[in-house]
Protein backbone atom coordinates (compact mmCIF):
# COMPACT_ATOMS: atom_id res chain seq x y z
CA MET A 1 -5.22 3.98 32.66
CA THR A 2 -8.40 5.24 31.04
CA VAL A 3 -8.50 8.90 30.10
CA SER A 4 -11.58 10.81 29.00
CA ARG A 5 -11.41 14.32 27.56
CA THR A 6 -14.30 16.46 26.39
CA GLY A 7 -14.99 19.88 24.89
CA VAL A 8 -18.08 21.92 24.06
CA ALA A 9 -18.69 24.29 21.15
CA LEU A 10 -21.57 26.72 21.38
CA LEU A 11 -21.29 27.34 17.68
CA ALA A 12 -24.52 29.14 16.99
CA LEU A 13 -23.43 31.92 19.32
CA GLY A 14 -19.75 31.64 18.45
CA LEU A 15 -20.30 31.87 14.72
CA ALA A 16 -22.74 34.73 15.12
CA LEU A 17 -20.18 36.64 17.16
CA THR A 18 -17.33 35.94 14.73
CA GLY A 19 -18.82 37.33 11.58
CA GLY A 20 -22.42 36.25 11.36
CA ALA A 21 -21.55 33.13 9.42
CA LEU A 22 -24.84 31.38 10.16
CA VAL A 23 -26.44 30.12 6.97
CA LEU A 24 -29.32 27.84 6.19
CA GLY A 25 -27.26 25.33 4.24
CA SER A 26 -26.11 25.62 0.69
CA ALA A 27 -27.71 25.06 -2.67
CA ASN A 28 -26.27 24.15 -6.04
CA SER A 29 -27.14 25.80 -9.37
CA THR A 30 -30.27 23.64 -9.70
CA GLY A 31 -31.62 24.92 -6.38
CA GLU A 32 -31.17 21.51 -4.76
CA PRO A 33 -29.45 21.31 -1.38
CA GLY A 34 -25.68 21.14 -1.83
CA PRO A 35 -23.10 19.15 0.11
CA GLY A 36 -23.32 19.88 3.80
CA SER A 37 -26.88 21.18 3.62
CA ILE A 38 -28.76 21.03 6.89
CA ASP A 39 -31.60 19.42 4.95
CA ASP A 40 -29.88 16.02 5.22
CA PRO A 41 -28.29 15.28 8.63
CA HIS A 42 -26.52 12.15 7.34
CA GLN A 43 -24.95 13.99 4.40
CA TYR A 44 -24.01 16.89 6.68
CA ALA A 45 -22.24 14.43 9.00
CA GLU A 46 -20.31 13.00 6.03
CA VAL A 47 -19.19 16.46 4.90
CA LEU A 48 -18.26 17.37 8.49
CA THR A 49 -16.20 14.16 8.71
CA ASP A 50 -14.41 15.07 5.47
CA ALA A 51 -13.71 18.60 6.76
CA VAL A 52 -12.13 17.19 9.92
CA ALA A 53 -10.02 14.83 7.78
CA ALA A 54 -8.80 17.75 5.66
CA VAL A 55 -7.73 19.70 8.75
CA ARG A 56 -5.81 16.74 10.13
CA ALA A 57 -4.14 16.13 6.76
CA GLY A 58 -3.14 19.80 6.68
CA HIS A 59 -1.34 19.27 9.99
CA ASP A 60 0.44 16.11 8.81
CA LEU A 61 -1.74 13.91 11.00
CA PRO A 62 -3.27 10.64 9.85
CA VAL A 63 -6.90 10.63 8.83
CA LEU A 64 -9.14 9.40 11.62
CA ALA A 65 -10.40 5.87 11.06
CA ARG A 66 -14.17 5.87 10.71
CA SER A 67 -15.64 4.07 13.68
CA ALA A 68 -19.19 2.73 13.55
CA CYS A 69 -19.12 2.49 17.34
CA ALA A 70 -18.11 6.17 17.70
CA ALA A 71 -20.72 7.17 15.10
CA ASP A 72 -23.44 5.31 17.01
CA ALA A 73 -22.33 7.02 20.22
CA ALA A 74 -22.35 10.39 18.42
CA VAL A 75 -25.94 9.94 17.22
CA THR A 76 -26.99 8.88 20.73
CA ARG A 77 -25.26 11.95 22.21
CA ALA A 78 -26.85 14.29 19.67
CA ASP A 79 -30.32 12.76 20.17
CA GLY A 80 -29.99 13.25 23.91
CA LEU A 81 -29.26 16.95 23.54
CA ILE A 82 -32.19 17.95 21.32
CA GLY A 83 -33.79 21.02 22.85
CA ALA A 84 -31.26 21.11 25.69
CA ASP A 85 -28.07 23.02 26.44
CA LEU A 86 -24.90 21.59 24.95
CA VAL A 87 -23.38 19.87 27.95
CA HIS A 88 -21.17 16.86 28.12
CA ALA A 89 -21.97 13.55 29.69
CA PRO A 90 -19.21 11.18 30.75
CA LEU A 91 -17.74 9.22 27.86
CA ASP A 92 -17.35 6.03 29.89
CA ASP A 93 -19.80 4.24 27.58
CA VAL A 94 -17.63 5.14 24.58
CA LEU A 95 -14.52 3.89 26.36
CA SER A 96 -16.11 0.55 27.23
CA ASP A 97 -18.34 -0.01 24.18
CA CYS A 98 -15.69 1.00 21.65
CA GLY A 99 -12.75 -0.57 23.46
CA ALA A 100 -10.94 2.77 23.60
CA ALA A 101 -8.45 4.10 26.12
CA LEU A 102 -9.16 7.72 25.16
CA ALA A 103 -12.36 9.49 24.16
CA ALA A 104 -13.23 13.08 23.40
CA GLU A 105 -16.15 14.90 21.82
CA ASN A 106 -16.88 18.17 20.10
CA LEU A 107 -20.47 19.36 19.87
CA SER A 108 -22.23 21.86 17.64
CA ARG A 109 -25.73 23.20 17.12
CA THR A 110 -25.90 25.41 14.07
CA ALA A 111 -27.21 26.01 10.58
CA ALA A 112 -23.70 26.89 9.38
CA ALA A 113 -21.77 24.93 6.79
CA PRO A 114 -19.61 22.04 8.05
CA ASP A 115 -16.40 23.91 7.17
CA ASP A 116 -17.55 26.77 9.41
CA VAL A 117 -18.16 24.33 12.25
CA VAL A 118 -14.62 22.97 11.92
CA GLN A 119 -13.19 26.51 11.78
CA ALA A 120 -15.07 27.38 14.98
CA TRP A 121 -13.70 24.25 16.65
CA LEU A 122 -10.19 25.22 15.53
CA ALA A 123 -10.66 28.66 17.10
CA SER A 124 -11.42 27.06 20.48
CA PRO A 125 -8.30 25.68 22.22
CA GLY A 126 -9.98 22.61 23.73
CA HIS A 127 -11.74 21.67 20.51
CA ARG A 128 -8.61 22.31 18.49
CA ASP A 129 -6.70 20.00 20.84
CA ASN A 130 -9.28 17.26 20.24
CA LEU A 131 -9.12 17.65 16.44
CA LEU A 132 -5.32 17.66 16.31
CA ASP A 133 -4.50 15.11 19.01
CA PRO A 134 -2.35 12.42 17.38
CA GLU A 135 -3.42 9.93 20.08
CA LEU A 136 -7.03 10.15 18.89
CA THR A 137 -7.18 7.83 15.89
CA GLY A 138 -10.85 6.99 15.34
CA ALA A 139 -14.00 9.06 14.96
CA GLY A 140 -17.68 9.08 14.24
CA VAL A 141 -20.04 11.97 13.59
CA GLY A 142 -23.75 11.97 14.27
CA CYS A 143 -26.11 14.82 13.38
CA VAL A 144 -29.80 15.21 14.15
CA ARG A 145 -32.34 17.96 13.54
CA ASP A 146 -32.95 20.37 16.39
CA GLY A 147 -35.50 22.90 15.19
CA ASP A 148 -34.06 24.85 12.27
CA GLU A 149 -30.53 23.70 13.06
CA LEU A 150 -28.49 20.53 13.19
CA LEU A 151 -27.06 19.25 16.42
CA CYS A 152 -23.89 17.28 15.78
CA ALA A 153 -21.53 15.30 17.96
CA LEU A 154 -18.03 14.34 16.87
CA VAL A 155 -16.87 11.45 19.04
CA LEU A 156 -13.14 10.71 18.86
CA THR A 157 -11.39 7.63 20.21
CA GLY A 158 -7.84 6.46 20.75
CA ASP A 159 -5.97 3.41 21.98
C-alpha cells in the first residue's frame, strides 16, 4: 500500500509570531555570509539538512540518507511555489520516481536561519511527526530564492 503524508509550515508568519526571529542570514567576522545565509540557496539547503540530521540524532533516530531523487523533487516543489501560497501538491511523483512507499514534505519561506526553520517545524505537530518518523529514511532539501526570502522544501521518503 502506498501512503503519502504532507505538512505545511508558514514559517515567515510563525517565526514572526513566536519571537520575531526573522533575520536576513548570518555573517562571519569578515562580513561574508556565514553558514545558512540566505545569500546561497544551495548552502542554506545543506545547513538545513544538517540541522534536521542533528534533531533526528538527538531523538536516537538514524540520520536520513541523502536522496538525489528527493532533492530533485524538493527543488521542483520549491520552484513551483515561488510567489504563491505554500500549498501541497500530491507526492505521487515522489513515490513513483524515487521508488518510495512513503513520502512527506515540510515547506518554509523565510529569511530565518536554518536552525530556526527546524525549530518551527518541531513546534508544529505534523511537521514534527515528519521529522521524527522512523519510517522515513531518506531526504532531500531544495531551496530557491523567493524575493528577499528562501523557499525551501524538505522531501522525505521511506520504504
